[in-house]
Amino acid sequence: MEHQKKILVTGANGQLGMEFRQLAPLFPEYLFLFLSKAEIAIDDDDKLRAFFEKNIIDVCINCAAYTAVDKSETDKEQAIAINVTAVANMAAICKQYSARFIHFSTDYVFNGNAEKPYRESDVTDPVNFYGQTKLEGEQAAIKNNEDVIIIRTSWVYSRFGKNFVKTMMRLMAEKDSIGVVTDQRGCPTYAADLAEAVMQVIKSNSDAAGIYHYCNEGIISWFEFATAIKEIMGSSCTVHPLATSDYPTPAKRPAYSALDTRKIKETWQIAIPGWRTSLESCIKEYIN
């Protein structure tokens, strides 16, 4: 009997991990194993190694990360432990046990000074500590495992977990007016779309390793994003545009972090939906 391929998803209770849980029944040819932080934290190298020793893993999708951008400015040790050290160890373990390693990174590896969408080959220059740890995680993963697939993504949201869309929906239900930054531009990413794209990559059995960019089509500001959420919800809340200088945060944000997705589309013939279509799908799923 042919070996049923096993896919391990770490960080399985986060917004992206939960989207893989939703997708799993649609791919019965794979046996999915889900590990949450409570079960095995990715920075617990011994437990992770023992898990790989016990289970034959074909693909490891790492959805775990330290994503608290502002908190990472002071909680540097923990951010490094999860985004750099643990990723380096996971890459090495996957290589040792012949498992394909798929890891996620961020638009925050760039400084935001560009005037056109960033390509994978563009120079990296993070403006905050979170972005620095994600960049170092990329570099460590590639150093320890030349077959790694790294997918940089941006402005991720889902009906699961904590994210901009759910926060806006809550605030719009509670308040008469809110202010949202209008001078930061980028590309939203619906986690469900990203998870589907990853499954397409896995099904291809391609060995095209390296760094790829994935986000939904279209470049908008956070203000435009919030305004669309308001419209789709049918909310009467007033959304005011703010300048970044009106809303200071501990960590600096790139002013422009749109990602060019040509490489992932051409490599795997992936069709990427427009941001508005995906936002409507997410809100409909969440409300229902």
Protein backbone atom coordinates (compact mmCIF):
# COMPACT_ATOMS: atom_id res chain seq x y z
CA MET A 1 0.00 0.00 0.00
CA GLU A 2 1.27 3.45 -0.94
CA HIS A 3 2.40 5.61 1.94
CA GLN A 4 -0.18 8.29 2.78
CA LYS A 5 1.68 11.58 2.93
CA LYS A 6 1.64 13.31 6.30
CA ILE A 7 1.44 17.08 6.60
CA LEU A 8 2.39 18.62 9.93
CA VAL A 9 0.94 22.06 10.69
CA THR A 10 2.54 23.89 13.62
CA GLY A 11 0.93 26.93 15.22
CA ALA A 12 -2.32 25.13 14.46
CA ASN A 13 -4.59 27.37 16.56
CA GLY A 14 -3.50 30.64 14.94
CA GLN A 15 -5.44 32.27 12.12
CA LEU A 16 -3.49 30.56 9.33
CA GLY A 17 -3.27 27.24 11.17
CA MET A 18 -7.04 27.28 11.65
CA GLU A 19 -7.54 27.82 7.91
CA PHE A 20 -5.51 24.65 7.27
CA ARG A 21 -7.79 22.84 9.72
CA GLN A 22 -10.76 23.98 7.60
CA LEU A 23 -9.10 22.81 4.38
CA ALA A 24 -7.89 19.41 5.63
CA PRO A 25 -11.15 17.48 4.89
CA LEU A 26 -10.92 18.63 1.25
CA PHE A 27 -7.59 16.81 0.86
CA PRO A 28 -8.27 13.22 2.02
CA GLU A 29 -5.15 12.01 0.21
CA TYR A 30 -3.09 13.61 3.01
CA LEU A 31 -3.01 12.84 6.70
CA PHE A 32 -2.87 16.14 8.57
CA LEU A 33 -1.25 16.42 11.97
CA PHE A 34 -1.93 19.64 13.87
CA LEU A 35 0.26 20.90 16.70
CA SER A 36 -0.75 23.92 18.75
CA LYS A 37 1.60 25.83 21.01
CA ALA A 38 0.03 24.08 24.00
CA GLU A 39 0.89 20.67 22.53
CA ILE A 40 4.41 21.38 21.30
CA ALA A 41 5.85 24.88 21.16
CA ILE A 42 8.14 25.28 18.16
CA ASP A 43 10.97 26.56 20.37
CA ASP A 44 10.94 23.25 22.29
CA ASP A 45 13.58 21.62 20.11
CA ASP A 46 13.67 18.32 22.03
CA LYS A 47 9.92 17.71 21.86
CA LEU A 48 9.78 18.68 18.20
CA ARG A 49 12.65 16.38 17.32
CA ALA A 50 11.00 13.52 19.23
CA PHE A 51 7.76 14.14 17.29
CA PHE A 52 9.60 13.83 13.97
CA GLU A 53 11.35 10.70 15.25
CA LYS A 54 7.99 9.12 16.05
CA ASN A 55 6.06 10.29 12.95
CA ILE A 56 7.12 10.14 9.32
CA ILE A 57 6.45 13.72 8.18
CA ASP A 58 6.47 14.53 4.46
CA VAL A 59 5.69 18.24 4.69
CA CYS A 60 5.96 20.62 7.66
CA ILE A 61 3.99 23.88 7.38
CA ASN A 62 5.14 26.29 10.07
CA CYS A 63 2.29 28.66 10.93
CA ALA A 64 3.77 29.49 14.33
CA ALA A 65 5.44 32.86 14.83
CA TYR A 66 5.92 35.70 17.26
CA THR A 67 3.70 38.33 15.62
CA ALA A 68 3.29 41.02 18.30
CA VAL A 69 5.02 43.76 16.32
CA ASP A 70 5.02 46.45 19.02
CA LYS A 71 5.71 44.09 21.92
CA SER A 72 8.74 42.64 20.13
CA GLU A 73 10.53 45.98 20.55
CA THR A 74 10.95 45.16 24.25
CA ASP A 75 10.34 41.38 24.34
CA LYS A 76 13.33 40.81 22.08
CA GLU A 77 14.54 37.55 23.59
CA GLN A 78 11.22 35.78 23.03
CA ALA A 79 10.85 37.19 19.50
CA ILE A 80 14.31 35.84 18.60
CA ALA A 81 13.59 32.48 20.24
CA ILE A 82 10.46 31.89 18.14
CA ASN A 83 11.17 33.74 14.88
CA VAL A 84 14.86 32.90 14.51
CA THR A 85 16.19 30.10 16.72
CA ALA A 86 13.14 27.85 16.50
CA VAL A 87 12.87 28.34 12.73
CA ALA A 88 16.55 27.46 12.28
CA ASN A 89 16.05 24.29 14.32
CA MET A 90 12.87 23.32 12.46
CA ALA A 91 14.62 23.74 9.11
CA ALA A 92 17.45 21.47 10.29
CA ILE A 93 15.03 18.86 11.66
CA CYS A 94 13.06 18.81 8.41
CA LYS A 95 16.23 18.30 6.43
CA GLN A 96 17.37 15.50 8.76
CA TYR A 97 14.03 13.68 8.41
CA SER A 98 13.51 14.46 4.69
CA ALA A 99 10.40 16.57 5.27
CA ARG A 100 9.61 19.53 3.03
CA PHE A 101 9.68 22.72 5.11
CA ILE A 102 7.27 25.56 4.30
CA HIS A 103 7.69 28.71 6.36
CA PHE A 104 6.02 32.13 6.34
CA SER A 105 7.66 35.52 6.50
CA THR A 106 6.50 39.10 6.14
CA ASP A 107 6.44 42.31 4.11
CA TYR A 108 8.10 43.90 7.15
CA VAL A 109 11.50 42.66 5.96
CA PHE A 110 11.44 45.75 3.67
CA ASN A 111 11.88 49.39 4.69
CA GLY A 112 8.79 50.75 2.91
CA ASN A 113 10.61 53.30 0.76
CA ALA A 114 9.74 51.62 -2.56
CA GLU A 115 7.37 53.03 -5.14
CA LYS A 116 6.45 49.72 -6.78
CA PRO A 117 5.63 46.27 -5.31
CA TYR A 118 8.60 44.47 -3.77
CA ARG A 119 10.01 41.47 -5.60
CA GLU A 120 11.67 38.55 -3.84
CA SER A 121 15.12 39.69 -4.99
CA ASP A 122 14.79 43.26 -3.68
CA VAL A 123 17.09 44.43 -0.91
CA THR A 124 15.75 43.80 2.60
CA ASP A 125 16.01 46.45 5.31
CA PRO A 126 13.58 46.02 8.23
CA VAL A 127 12.47 49.15 10.09
CA ASN A 128 11.40 47.33 13.26
CA PHE A 129 12.65 44.47 15.44
CA TYR A 130 9.85 42.11 14.43
CA GLY A 131 10.84 42.50 10.77
CA GLN A 132 14.48 41.94 11.72
CA THR A 133 13.68 38.65 13.47
CA LYS A 134 11.60 37.43 10.52
CA LEU A 135 14.44 38.27 8.13
CA GLU A 136 16.96 36.45 10.32
CA GLY A 137 14.54 33.51 10.45
CA GLU A 138 14.47 33.38 6.65
CA GLN A 139 18.26 33.44 6.49
CA ALA A 140 18.64 30.76 9.18
CA ALA A 141 16.09 28.48 7.49
CA ILE A 142 17.85 28.73 4.11
CA LYS A 143 21.24 28.15 5.73
CA ASN A 144 20.04 24.97 7.45
CA ASN A 145 17.81 23.66 4.66
CA GLU A 146 18.35 24.61 1.01
CA ASP A 147 14.99 23.02 0.07
CA VAL A 148 12.88 25.36 2.23
CA ILE A 149 9.98 27.28 0.70
CA ILE A 150 9.54 30.67 2.35
CA ILE A 151 6.36 32.61 1.60
CA ARG A 152 6.36 36.28 2.53
CA THR A 153 2.88 37.62 3.07
CA SER A 154 1.27 40.82 4.36
CA TRP A 155 -1.69 42.22 6.31
CA VAL A 156 -3.03 38.73 7.09
CA TYR A 157 -6.61 38.38 8.32
CA SER A 158 -9.11 35.58 8.88
CA ARG A 159 -12.33 34.86 10.72
CA PHE A 160 -10.04 33.18 13.27
CA GLY A 161 -7.60 34.75 15.70
CA LYS A 162 -6.82 38.43 16.20
CA ASN A 163 -6.52 40.64 13.14
CA PHE A 164 -7.37 44.02 11.65
CA VAL A 165 -10.66 42.93 10.07
CA LYS A 166 -12.11 41.49 13.27
CA THR A 167 -10.89 44.46 15.31
CA MET A 168 -12.52 46.92 12.89
CA MET A 169 -15.78 44.96 12.91
CA ARG A 170 -15.85 45.05 16.70
CA LEU A 171 -15.01 48.77 16.93
CA MET A 172 -17.55 49.68 14.27
CA ALA A 173 -20.23 47.86 16.24
CA GLU A 174 -19.24 49.68 19.45
CA LYS A 175 -18.39 53.22 18.31
CA ASP A 176 -19.91 56.05 16.27
CA SER A 177 -16.56 56.96 14.73
CA ILE A 178 -13.01 55.62 14.47
CA GLY A 179 -9.73 56.85 13.00
CA VAL A 180 -7.55 54.71 10.73
CA VAL A 181 -4.12 55.40 9.24
CA THR A 182 -4.24 56.46 5.60
CA ASP A 183 -0.54 56.92 4.73
CA GLN A 184 0.55 53.28 5.00
CA ARG A 185 -0.14 51.22 1.87
CA GLY A 186 0.09 47.50 1.28
CA CYS A 187 -1.78 44.35 0.25
CA PRO A 188 -4.27 42.48 2.47
CA THR A 189 -4.04 38.69 2.56
CA TYR A 190 -6.99 36.45 3.37
CA ALA A 191 -5.48 33.51 5.27
CA ALA A 192 -7.91 31.07 3.62
CA ASP A 193 -6.58 32.04 0.18
CA LEU A 194 -2.99 31.66 1.37
CA ALA A 195 -3.71 28.20 2.82
CA GLU A 196 -5.29 27.10 -0.49
CA ALA A 197 -2.26 28.35 -2.41
CA VAL A 198 0.06 26.39 -0.13
CA MET A 199 -1.93 23.21 -0.74
CA GLN A 200 -1.58 23.81 -4.49
CA VAL A 201 2.18 24.07 -3.99
CA ILE A 202 2.24 20.82 -2.01
CA LYS A 203 0.09 18.95 -4.54
CA SER A 204 2.42 19.95 -7.37
CA ASN A 205 5.29 17.93 -5.86
CA SER A 206 7.56 20.61 -7.28
CA ASP A 207 11.01 21.04 -5.81
CA ALA A 208 11.11 24.79 -6.56
CA ALA A 209 12.62 25.99 -3.29
CA GLY A 210 13.26 29.60 -2.36
CA ILE A 211 11.43 32.78 -1.37
CA TYR A 212 8.00 33.69 -2.76
CA HIS A 213 5.51 36.50 -2.20
CA TYR A 214 1.79 35.94 -1.69
CA CYS A 215 -0.96 38.48 -1.00
CA ASN A 216 -4.31 39.31 -2.53
CA GLU A 217 -4.42 41.45 -5.66
CA GLY A 218 -4.61 45.21 -5.16
CA ILE A 219 -2.76 47.88 -3.17
CA ILE A 220 -4.69 49.92 -0.58
CA SER A 221 -4.25 51.91 2.62
CA TRP A 222 -5.42 50.80 6.06
CA PHE A 223 -8.07 53.56 5.78
CA GLU A 224 -9.36 52.13 2.49
CA PHE A 225 -9.34 48.67 4.04
CA ALA A 226 -11.42 49.88 7.01
CA THR A 227 -13.82 51.77 4.72
CA ALA A 228 -14.43 48.58 2.72
CA ILE A 229 -15.10 46.64 5.94
CA LYS A 230 -17.63 49.31 6.92
CA GLU A 231 -19.37 49.07 3.54
CA ILE A 232 -19.54 45.28 3.55
CA MET A 233 -20.86 45.26 7.12
CA GLY A 234 -23.38 47.98 6.37
CA SER A 235 -22.10 49.89 9.40
CA SER A 236 -23.03 53.52 10.11
CA CYS A 237 -19.73 54.14 11.93
CA THR A 238 -17.75 57.10 10.53
CA VAL A 239 -14.16 56.25 9.52
CA HIS A 240 -11.74 59.19 9.75
CA PRO A 241 -8.35 59.21 7.98
CA LEU A 242 -5.33 59.56 10.27
CA ALA A 243 -1.68 60.23 9.53
CA THR A 244 0.87 57.77 10.96
CA SER A 245 2.17 60.69 13.04
CA ASP A 246 -1.29 60.97 14.67
CA TYR A 247 -1.10 57.36 15.83
CA PRO A 248 2.38 56.70 17.26
CA THR A 249 3.31 53.06 17.97
CA PRO A 250 6.38 51.54 19.68
CA ALA A 251 7.45 49.86 16.42
CA LYS A 252 7.82 51.81 13.19
CA ARG A 253 5.77 50.53 10.22
CA PRO A 254 6.86 50.61 6.57
CA ALA A 255 4.89 53.27 4.67
CA TYR A 256 4.67 51.07 1.56
CA SER A 257 4.93 47.29 1.67
CA ALA A 258 3.07 45.97 -1.37
CA LEU A 259 4.38 42.62 -2.59
CA ASP A 260 4.87 41.53 -6.20
CA THR A 261 3.34 38.04 -6.59
CA ARG A 262 4.44 37.21 -10.16
CA LYS A 263 6.92 34.54 -9.09
CA ILE A 264 4.49 32.36 -7.12
CA LYS A 265 1.79 32.74 -9.81
CA GLU A 266 4.14 31.74 -12.61
CA THR A 267 5.85 28.89 -10.71
CA TRP A 268 2.65 27.11 -9.67
CA GLN A 269 -0.03 28.66 -11.92
CA ILE A 270 -1.77 30.04 -8.86
CA ALA A 271 -4.74 32.36 -9.40
CA ILE A 272 -4.91 35.03 -6.68
CA PRO A 273 -8.27 36.71 -5.90
CA GLY A 274 -8.67 40.45 -5.57
CA TRP A 275 -8.58 41.81 -2.02
CA ARG A 276 -12.19 43.05 -2.03
CA THR A 277 -13.63 39.71 -3.16
CA SER A 278 -11.73 37.86 -0.44
CA LEU A 279 -12.67 40.41 2.22
CA GLU A 280 -16.35 39.95 1.36
CA SER A 281 -15.93 36.15 1.62
CA CYS A 282 -14.26 36.42 5.02
CA ILE A 283 -16.84 38.76 6.52
CA LYS A 284 -19.69 36.62 5.16
CA GLU A 285 -18.10 33.50 6.72
CA TYR A 286 -17.56 35.30 10.04
CA ILE A 287 -21.08 36.75 10.27
CA ASN A 288 -22.66 33.41 9.34
